[in-house]
Protein backbone atom coordinates (compact mmCIF):
# COMPACT_ATOMS: atom_id res chain seq x y z
CA MET A 1 120.02 149.18 37.11
CA MET A 2 119.52 151.89 34.53
CA ASN A 3 116.80 153.42 36.68
CA GLY A 4 119.29 153.78 39.55
CA ASN A 5 121.77 155.59 37.31
CA ALA A 6 119.05 157.90 36.00
CA ASN A 7 117.99 158.76 39.55
CA PHE A 8 121.61 159.41 40.53
CA ASP A 9 122.17 161.73 37.54
CA ARG A 10 118.91 163.55 38.19
CA ARG A 11 119.75 164.10 41.87
CA LEU A 12 123.27 165.20 41.00
CA THR A 13 121.93 167.73 38.49
CA LYS A 14 119.47 169.02 41.08
CA LEU A 15 122.31 169.38 43.59
CA GLU A 16 124.44 171.23 41.05
CA ASN A 17 121.61 173.61 40.18
CA SER A 18 120.79 174.42 43.80
CA LYS A 19 122.28 177.45 45.50
CA LEU A 20 125.19 175.95 47.41
CA GLY A 21 127.57 178.87 47.07
CA ILE A 22 129.77 177.14 44.52
CA PRO A 23 132.67 179.41 43.47
CA ALA A 24 132.54 180.78 39.94
CA HIS A 25 135.66 178.91 38.82
CA LEU A 26 133.95 175.60 39.70
CA ALA A 27 130.50 176.45 38.37
CA GLY A 28 130.92 174.20 35.31
CA PHE A 29 132.77 171.43 37.18
CA ARG A 30 131.00 168.10 37.56
CA ALA A 31 132.63 165.64 39.92
CA PRO A 32 133.62 162.48 38.04
CA THR A 33 132.42 159.07 39.19
CA ILE A 34 135.06 156.38 39.64
CA ILE A 35 134.08 152.72 39.98
CA VAL A 36 136.71 150.58 41.73
CA HIS A 37 136.90 146.97 42.90
CA ASP A 38 138.24 145.66 46.20
CA ASP A 39 141.79 145.23 44.98
CA ASP A 40 142.05 148.61 43.18
CA ASP A 41 143.92 151.48 44.83
CA GLU A 42 141.45 154.35 44.68
CA ASP A 43 143.98 156.90 45.97
CA GLN A 44 146.33 156.04 43.11
CA ILE A 45 143.51 156.40 40.57
CA ILE A 46 142.56 159.80 42.00
CA ASN A 47 146.20 160.94 41.93
CA GLU A 48 146.52 159.88 38.27
CA MET A 49 143.34 161.76 37.36
CA GLN A 50 144.65 164.82 39.18
CA ALA A 51 147.97 164.58 37.28
CA ARG A 52 146.06 164.43 33.97
CA GLY A 53 144.06 167.51 34.98
CA GLU A 54 140.69 165.74 35.06
CA ILE A 55 140.04 166.86 38.65
CA PRO A 56 141.41 169.90 40.49
CA PRO A 57 144.08 169.44 43.17
CA ALA A 58 142.81 169.04 46.73
CA GLU A 59 144.72 172.16 47.82
CA ASP A 60 142.87 174.35 45.29
CA PHE A 61 139.48 172.80 45.94
CA PRO A 62 137.19 174.61 48.40
CA ALA A 63 136.06 172.78 51.50
CA GLY A 64 132.54 171.40 51.45
CA CYS A 65 132.43 170.75 47.68
CA ILE A 66 132.48 167.26 46.16
CA ARG A 67 135.68 166.59 44.22
CA VAL A 68 135.11 162.98 43.12
CA PHE A 69 132.57 160.19 43.66
CA VAL A 70 134.07 156.77 44.38
CA ILE A 71 131.85 153.73 44.02
CA SER A 72 133.50 150.66 45.48
CA ILE A 73 132.36 147.24 44.28
CA VAL A 74 132.85 144.58 46.91
CA ASP A 75 133.27 141.17 45.32
CA PRO A 76 131.58 138.32 47.21
CA PRO A 77 133.87 135.68 48.67
CA LYS A 78 134.46 132.72 46.38
CA ARG A 79 133.41 129.32 47.58
CA ASP A 80 135.67 126.34 47.12
CA GLU A 81 133.68 123.68 45.32
């Protein structure tokens, strides 16, 4: 799966380098990637990251820009054997 991660990083870098009209105060900001499972509360994780200052508050973030990537892992149902 390393190839998938490399492609994702390459595309993200290309997106960041394109002319999207990103404000100057966010020019060096790279949206973090969060990986969560089914039972994790992604809103709580985002709120904790915002409290630690890892991501800017939603109120201060301009519309149309990516604040955080959330990758949700869906666990397959377990069979009773």
